[in-house]
C-alpha atoms as a PDB file:
ATOM      1  CA  UNK A   1      -6.751   6.862   3.691  1.00  0.00           C
ATOM      2  CA  UNK A   2      -5.285   3.379   3.080  1.00  0.00           C
ATOM      3  CA  UNK A   3      -3.656   4.525  -0.150  1.00  0.00           C
ATOM      4  CA  UNK A   4      -2.366   7.782   1.303  1.00  0.00           C
ATOM      5  CA  UNK A   5      -0.577   5.937   4.122  1.00  0.00           C
ATOM      6  CA  UNK A   6       0.854   3.440   1.643  1.00  0.00           C
ATOM      7  CA  UNK A   7       2.240   6.335  -0.370  1.00  0.00           C
ATOM      8  CA  UNK A   8       3.512   8.386   2.587  1.00  0.00           C
ATOM      9  CA  UNK A   9       3.989   6.212   5.689  1.00  0.00           C
ATOM     10  CA  UNK A  10       6.343   8.581   7.483  1.00  0.00           C
ATOM     11  CA  UNK A  11       5.500  10.340  10.753  1.00  0.00           C
ATOM     12  CA  UNK A  12       7.069  13.703   9.891  1.00  0.00           C
ATOM     13  CA  UNK A  13       5.198  16.898   9.096  1.00  0.00           C
ATOM     14  CA  UNK A  14       6.135  16.719   5.410  1.00  0.00           C
ATOM     15  CA  UNK A  15       4.599  13.258   4.985  1.00  0.00           C
ATOM     16  CA  UNK A  16       1.510  14.335   6.905  1.00  0.00           C
ATOM     17  CA  UNK A  17       1.073  17.315   4.583  1.00  0.00           C
ATOM     18  CA  UNK A  18       1.591  15.143   1.500  1.00  0.00           C
ATOM     19  CA  UNK A  19      -0.944  12.604   2.796  1.00  0.00           C
ATOM     20  CA  UNK A  20      -3.474  15.402   3.204  1.00  0.00           C
ATOM     21  CA  UNK A  21      -2.825  16.716  -0.294  1.00  0.00           C
ATOM     22  CA  UNK A  22      -3.001  13.244  -1.815  1.00  0.00           C
ATOM     23  CA  UNK A  23      -6.208  12.464   0.088  1.00  0.00           C
ATOM     24  CA  UNK A  24      -7.846  15.563  -1.386  1.00  0.00           C
ATOM     25  CA  UNK A  25      -6.597  14.766  -4.876  1.00  0.00           C
ATOM     26  CA  UNK A  26      -7.869  11.183  -4.753  1.00  0.00           C
ATOM     27  CA  UNK A  27     -11.271  12.294  -3.474  1.00  0.00           C
ATOM     28  CA  UNK A  28     -11.494  14.940  -6.199  1.00  0.00           C
ATOM     29  CA  UNK A  29     -10.622  12.374  -8.872  1.00  0.00           C
ATOM     30  CA  UNK A  30     -13.211   9.942  -7.527  1.00  0.00           C
ATOM     31  CA  UNK A  31     -15.966  12.605  -7.473  1.00  0.00           C
ATOM     32  CA  UNK A  32     -15.156  13.677 -11.034  1.00  0.00           C
ATOM     33  CA  UNK A  33     -14.966  10.077 -12.243  1.00  0.00           C
ATOM     34  CA  UNK A  34     -18.315   9.142 -10.697  1.00  0.00           C
ATOM     35  CA  UNK A  35     -19.890  12.276 -12.200  1.00  0.00           C
ATOM     36  CA  UNK A  36     -18.514  11.298 -15.595  1.00  0.00           C
ATOM     37  CA  UNK A  37     -19.968   7.798 -15.574  1.00  0.00           C
ATOM     38  CA  UNK A  38     -23.199   8.512 -13.675  1.00  0.00           C
ATOM     39  CA  UNK A  39     -24.920  11.762 -14.786  1.00  0.00           C
ATOM     40  CA  UNK A  40     -27.781  11.086 -12.391  1.00  0.00           C
ATOM     41  CA  UNK A  41     -25.419  10.996  -9.427  1.00  0.00           C
ATOM     42  CA  UNK A  42     -23.862  14.259 -10.594  1.00  0.00           C
ATOM     43  CA  UNK A  43     -27.126  16.231 -10.314  1.00  0.00           C
ATOM     44  CA  UNK A  44     -28.423  14.728  -7.070  1.00  0.00           C
ATOM     45  CA  UNK A  45     -27.442  16.046  -3.598  1.00  0.00           C
ATOM     46  CA  UNK A  46     -24.564  14.405  -1.711  1.00  0.00           C
ATOM     47  CA  UNK A  47     -22.663  15.269   1.494  1.00  0.00           C
ATOM     48  CA  UNK A  48     -19.323  16.073  -0.150  1.00  0.00           C
ATOM     49  CA  UNK A  49     -16.730  18.458   1.235  1.00  0.00           C
ATOM     50  CA  UNK A  50     -16.467  21.457  -1.128  1.00  0.00           C
ATOM     51  CA  UNK A  51     -12.663  21.173  -1.329  1.00  0.00           C
ATOM     52  CA  UNK A  52     -13.032  17.867  -3.191  1.00  0.00           C
ATOM     53  CA  UNK A  53     -14.796  19.639  -6.018  1.00  0.00           C
ATOM     54  CA  UNK A  54     -12.626  22.733  -6.020  1.00  0.00           C
ATOM     55  CA  UNK A  55      -9.114  21.333  -6.407  1.00  0.00           C
ATOM     56  CA  UNK A  56      -7.711  22.308  -9.775  1.00  0.00           C
ATOM     57  CA  UNK A  57      -6.411  19.726 -12.221  1.00  0.00           C
ATOM     58  CA  UNK A  58      -2.797  20.993 -11.860  1.00  0.00           C
ATOM     59  CA  UNK A  59      -3.067  20.652  -8.057  1.00  0.00           C
ATOM     60  CA  UNK A  60      -4.392  17.101  -8.401  1.00  0.00           C
ATOM     61  CA  UNK A  61      -1.715  16.160 -10.911  1.00  0.00           C
ATOM     62  CA  UNK A  62       0.984  17.563  -8.640  1.00  0.00           C
ATOM     63  CA  UNK A  63      -0.170  15.419  -5.711  1.00  0.00           C
ATOM     64  CA  UNK A  64      -0.572  12.330  -7.895  1.00  0.00           C
ATOM     65  CA  UNK A  65       2.739  12.633  -9.775  1.00  0.00           C
ATOM     66  CA  UNK A  66       4.740  10.190  -7.657  1.00  0.00           C
ATOM     67  CA  UNK A  67       1.729   8.176  -6.477  1.00  0.00           C
ATOM     68  CA  UNK A  68       2.063   5.189  -8.890  1.00  0.00           C
ATOM     69  CA  UNK A  69       5.780   4.814  -8.160  1.00  0.00           C
ATOM     70  CA  UNK A  70       5.210   4.875  -4.416  1.00  0.00           C
ATOM     71  CA  UNK A  71       2.494   2.214  -4.612  1.00  0.00           C
ATOM     72  CA  UNK A  72       4.775   0.118  -6.810  1.00  0.00           C
ATOM     73  CA  UNK A  73       7.556   0.427  -4.221  1.00  0.00           C
ATOM     74  CA  UNK A  74       5.228  -0.804  -1.469  1.00  0.00           C
ATOM     75  CA  UNK A  75       4.276  -3.841  -3.538  1.00  0.00           C
ATOM     76  CA  UNK A  76       7.978  -4.576  -4.084  1.00  0.00           C
ATOM     77  CA  UNK A  77       8.505  -4.406  -0.314  1.00  0.00           C
ATOM     78  CA  UNK A  78       5.523  -6.737   0.187  1.00  0.00           C
ATOM     79  CA  UNK A  79       7.144  -9.295  -2.113  1.00  0.00           C
ATOM     80  CA  UNK A  80      10.309  -9.069  -0.041  1.00  0.00           C
ATOM     81  CA  UNK A  81       8.365  -9.588   3.187  1.00  0.00           C
ATOM     82  CA  UNK A  82       6.235 -12.483   1.918  1.00  0.00           C
ATOM     83  CA  UNK A  83       8.557 -15.431   2.750  1.00  0.00           C
ATOM     84  CA  UNK A  84       9.304 -14.016   6.218  1.00  0.00           C
ATOM     85  CA  UNK A  85       5.598 -13.712   6.999  1.00  0.00           C
ATOM     86  CA  UNK A  86       4.812 -17.189   5.641  1.00  0.00           C
ATOM     87  CA  UNK A  87       7.596 -18.647   7.756  1.00  0.00           C
ATOM     88  CA  UNK A  88       6.253 -16.850  10.843  1.00  0.00           C
ATOM     89  CA  UNK A  89       2.738 -18.084  10.068  1.00  0.00           C
ATOM     90  CA  UNK A  90       3.599 -21.757   9.545  1.00  0.00           C
ATOM     91  CA  UNK A  91       6.555 -22.034  11.901  1.00  0.00           C
ATOM     92  CA  UNK A  92       8.344 -23.994   9.198  1.00  0.00           C
ATOM     93  CA  UNK A  93      11.242 -23.158   6.916  1.00  0.00           C
ATOM     94  CA  UNK A  94      10.095 -21.420   3.757  1.00  0.00           C
ATOM     95  CA  UNK A  95      10.916 -23.007   0.391  1.00  0.00           C
ATOM     96  CA  UNK A  96      13.148 -20.417  -1.215  1.00  0.00           C
ATOM     97  CA  UNK A  97      12.714 -19.315  -4.844  1.00  0.00           C
ATOM     98  CA  UNK A  98      15.289 -20.480  -7.368  1.00  0.00           C
ATOM     99  CA  UNK A  99      18.526 -18.541  -7.123  1.00  0.00           C
ATOM    100  CA  UNK A 100      18.034 -17.541  -3.478  1.00  0.00           C
ATOM    101  CA  UNK A 101      20.645 -19.134  -1.217  1.00  0.00           C
ATOM    102  CA  UNK A 102      19.189 -18.129   2.167  1.00  0.00           C
ATOM    103  CA  UNK A 103      16.311 -16.141   3.561  1.00  0.00           C
ATOM    104  CA  UNK A 104      17.603 -12.645   4.148  1.00  0.00           C
ATOM    105  CA  UNK A 105      16.540  -9.130   3.196  1.00  0.00           C
ATOM    106  CA  UNK A 106      19.605  -8.719   1.015  1.00  0.00           C
ATOM    107  CA  UNK A 107      18.783 -11.894  -0.918  1.00  0.00           C
ATOM    108  CA  UNK A 108      15.151 -10.826  -1.316  1.00  0.00           C
ATOM    109  CA  UNK A 109      16.344  -7.426  -2.512  1.00  0.00           C
ATOM    110  CA  UNK A 110      18.359  -9.203  -5.196  1.00  0.00           C
ATOM    111  CA  UNK A 111      15.278 -11.188  -6.198  1.00  0.00           C
ATOM    112  CA  UNK A 112      13.246  -8.017  -6.899  1.00  0.00           C
ATOM    113  CA  UNK A 113      16.029  -5.968  -8.532  1.00  0.00           C
ATOM    114  CA  UNK A 114      14.460  -6.047 -11.982  1.00  0.00           C
ATOM    115  CA  UNK A 115      10.977  -5.000 -10.854  1.00  0.00           C
ATOM    116  CA  UNK A 116      12.458  -2.434  -8.497  1.00  0.00           C
ATOM    117  CA  UNK A 117      14.422  -0.903 -11.389  1.00  0.00           C
ATOM    118  CA  UNK A 118      17.629  -0.902  -9.391  1.00  0.00           C
ATOM    119  CA  UNK A 119      20.960  -2.595  -9.978  1.00  0.00           C
ATOM    120  CA  UNK A 120      22.160  -2.676  -6.363  1.00  0.00           C
ATOM    121  CA  UNK A 121      20.291  -4.586  -3.623  1.00  0.00           C
ATOM    122  CA  UNK A 122      21.537  -2.089  -1.046  1.00  0.00           C
ATOM    123  CA  UNK A 123      19.609   0.634  -2.897  1.00  0.00           C
ATOM    124  CA  UNK A 124      16.469  -1.514  -2.769  1.00  0.00           C
ATOM    125  CA  UNK A 125      16.821  -1.894   0.984  1.00  0.00           C
ATOM    126  CA  UNK A 126      17.481   1.823   1.477  1.00  0.00           C
ATOM    127  CA  UNK A 127      15.006   3.366  -0.961  1.00  0.00           C
ATOM    128  CA  UNK A 128      12.171   0.823  -0.957  1.00  0.00           C
ATOM    129  CA  UNK A 129      12.337  -1.486   2.049  1.00  0.00           C
ATOM    130  CA  UNK A 130      13.145   0.968   4.839  1.00  0.00           C
ATOM    131  CA  UNK A 131      10.463   3.561   3.957  1.00  0.00           C
ATOM    132  CA  UNK A 132       7.937   0.699   3.667  1.00  0.00           C
ATOM    133  CA  UNK A 133       8.480  -0.797   7.120  1.00  0.00           C
ATOM    134  CA  UNK A 134       5.765   1.180   8.984  1.00  0.00           C
ATOM    135  CA  UNK A 135       3.129  -0.131   6.533  1.00  0.00           C
ATOM    136  CA  UNK A 136       4.653  -3.462   5.513  1.00  0.00           C
ATOM    137  CA  UNK A 137       1.674  -5.313   7.022  1.00  0.00           C
ATOM    138  CA  UNK A 138      -0.760  -3.163   5.019  1.00  0.00           C
ATOM    139  CA  UNK A 139       1.341  -3.458   1.848  1.00  0.00           C
ATOM    140  CA  UNK A 140       1.408  -7.243   2.288  1.00  0.00           C
ATOM    141  CA  UNK A 141      -2.379  -7.346   2.680  1.00  0.00           C
ATOM    142  CA  UNK A 142      -2.896  -5.198  -0.426  1.00  0.00           C
ATOM    143  CA  UNK A 143      -0.409  -7.304  -2.373  1.00  0.00           C
ATOM    144  CA  UNK A 144      -2.365 -10.408  -1.374  1.00  0.00           C
ATOM    145  CA  UNK A 145      -5.593  -8.818  -2.583  1.00  0.00           C
ATOM    146  CA  UNK A 146      -4.019  -7.870  -5.925  1.00  0.00           C
ATOM    147  CA  UNK A 147      -2.781 -11.430  -6.330  1.00  0.00           C
ATOM    148  CA  UNK A 148      -6.279 -12.796  -5.715  1.00  0.00           C
ATOM    149  CA  UNK A 149      -7.799 -10.179  -8.026  1.00  0.00           C
ATOM    150  CA  UNK A 150      -5.469 -11.464 -10.735  1.00  0.00           C
ATOM    151  CA  UNK A 151      -5.057  -8.023 -12.263  1.00  0.00           C
ATOM    152  CA  UNK A 152      -1.884  -7.166 -14.145  1.00  0.00           C
ATOM    153  CA  UNK A 153      -2.885  -3.489 -14.150  1.00  0.00           C
ATOM    154  CA  UNK A 154      -2.004  -2.483 -10.591  1.00  0.00           C
ATOM    155  CA  UNK A 155      -3.159   1.087 -10.996  1.00  0.00           C
ATOM    156  CA  UNK A 156      -6.667  -0.045 -11.949  1.00  0.00           C
ATOM    157  CA  UNK A 157      -6.785  -2.792  -9.326  1.00  0.00           C
ATOM    158  CA  UNK A 158      -6.140  -0.231  -6.563  1.00  0.00           C
ATOM    159  CA  UNK A 159      -9.437   1.552  -7.336  1.00  0.00           C
ATOM    160  CA  UNK A 160     -11.636  -0.796  -5.224  1.00  0.00           C
ATOM    161  CA  UNK A 161      -9.620   0.275  -2.180  1.00  0.00           C
ATOM    162  CA  UNK A 162     -11.392   3.626  -2.540  1.00  0.00           C
ATOM    163  CA  UNK A 163     -14.851   2.406  -3.504  1.00  0.00           C
ATOM    164  CA  UNK A 164     -15.554  -1.156  -2.336  1.00  0.00           C
ATOM    165  CA  UNK A 165     -16.106  -1.697   1.389  1.00  0.00           C
ATOM    166  CA  UNK A 166     -15.885  -5.481   0.959  1.00  0.00           C
ATOM    167  CA  UNK A 167     -12.366  -5.124  -0.438  1.00  0.00           C
ATOM    168  CA  UNK A 168     -11.428  -2.671   2.301  1.00  0.00           C
ATOM    169  CA  UNK A 169     -12.691  -5.041   4.989  1.00  0.00           C
ATOM    170  CA  UNK A 170     -10.707  -7.904   3.466  1.00  0.00           C
ATOM    171  CA  UNK A 171      -7.532  -5.810   3.323  1.00  0.00           C
ATOM    172  CA  UNK A 172      -7.960  -4.381   6.841  1.00  0.00           C
ATOM    173  CA  UNK A 173      -8.456  -7.825   8.396  1.00  0.00           C
ATOM    174  CA  UNK A 174      -5.474  -9.241   6.548  1.00  0.00           C
ATOM    175  CA  UNK A 175      -3.353  -6.254   7.486  1.00  0.00           C
ATOM    176  CA  UNK A 176      -4.151  -6.980  11.135  1.00  0.00           C
ATOM    177  CA  UNK A 177      -3.153 -10.612  10.612  1.00  0.00           C
ATOM    178  CA  UNK A 178       0.083  -9.591   8.871  1.00  0.00           C
ATOM    179  CA  UNK A 179       0.769  -7.211  11.759  1.00  0.00           C
ATOM    180  CA  UNK A 180       0.753 -10.167  14.147  1.00  0.00           C
ATOM    181  CA  UNK A 181       3.107 -12.085  11.828  1.00  0.00           C
ATOM    182  CA  UNK A 182       5.549  -9.176  11.713  1.00  0.00           C
ATOM    183  CA  UNK A 183       5.619  -9.299  15.510  1.00  0.00           C
ATOM    184  CA  UNK A 184       6.378 -13.046  15.404  1.00  0.00           C
ATOM    185  CA  UNK A 185       9.140 -12.801  12.791  1.00  0.00           C
ATOM    186  CA  UNK A 186      12.576 -12.386  14.346  1.00  0.00           C
ATOM    187  CA  UNK A 187      14.186 -12.292  10.897  1.00  0.00           C
ATOM    188  CA  UNK A 188      12.368  -9.133   9.782  1.00  0.00           C
ATOM    189  CA  UNK A 189      13.620  -7.197  12.804  1.00  0.00           C
ATOM    190  CA  UNK A 190      10.718  -4.746  12.751  1.00  0.00           C
ATOM    191  CA  UNK A 191       9.449  -3.431  16.051  1.00  0.00           C
ATOM    192  CA  UNK A 192       5.656  -4.022  15.893  1.00  0.00           C
ATOM    193  CA  UNK A 193       5.130  -0.814  17.864  1.00  0.00           C
ATOM    194  CA  UNK A 194       6.426   1.155  14.855  1.00  0.00           C
ATOM    195  CA  UNK A 195       3.691  -0.235  12.578  1.00  0.00           C
ATOM    196  CA  UNK A 196       0.757   2.002  11.706  1.00  0.00           C
ATOM    197  CA  UNK A 197      -2.365   0.322  13.064  1.00  0.00           C
ATOM    198  CA  UNK A 198      -5.322  -0.165  10.730  1.00  0.00           C
ATOM    199  CA  UNK A 199      -8.625  -1.287  12.170  1.00  0.00           C
ATOM    200  CA  UNK A 200     -12.151  -1.516  10.781  1.00  0.00           C
ATOM    201  CA  UNK A 201     -14.592   1.069  12.087  1.00  0.00           C
ATOM    202  CA  UNK A 202     -17.824  -0.441  13.366  1.00  0.00           C
ATOM    203  CA  UNK A 203     -20.936   0.483  11.445  1.00  0.00           C
ATOM    204  CA  UNK A 204     -23.749   2.103  13.423  1.00  0.00           C
END
């Protein structure tokens, strides 16, 4: 669910449908992967929804086609948000990276141009930053986890978000903290009420 909302954070019907399709595809891939590496698990009973074993490979591939790019875009947006959130957290002026004259979204868009694969900062703001705003707190928390994990292979490092509750708990708590920082940051100009809330479910 975390990854599906990162990929499709919009509130419209089309994003909701794509989230549902992606959720099914990710679950199918996880079931098939676990079966491949653990033959014992594959032949023992589990409470799994039948749809997760019935999706065809073409259907999965269709839902996953733009998935890596969308996750990459969210991590770009998280990099843009980082100095604003740190400033809101400390209450002190953030030390700007070399080449950045002032703390602004346009300047941060220029900083990530190469990784964003764009040549115009306005395109970064329009195509990456704006769609990311509803989940910028979650993207920032995931980006922080990836940084701590020290993995250069983002696509592999995202896997624990589907399998490791400890990682999920860490990300959910940090997303809640980042949500409070977004609310404190006047520079980001994001209404905290537009953020998608993520909270840990209590175990029975």
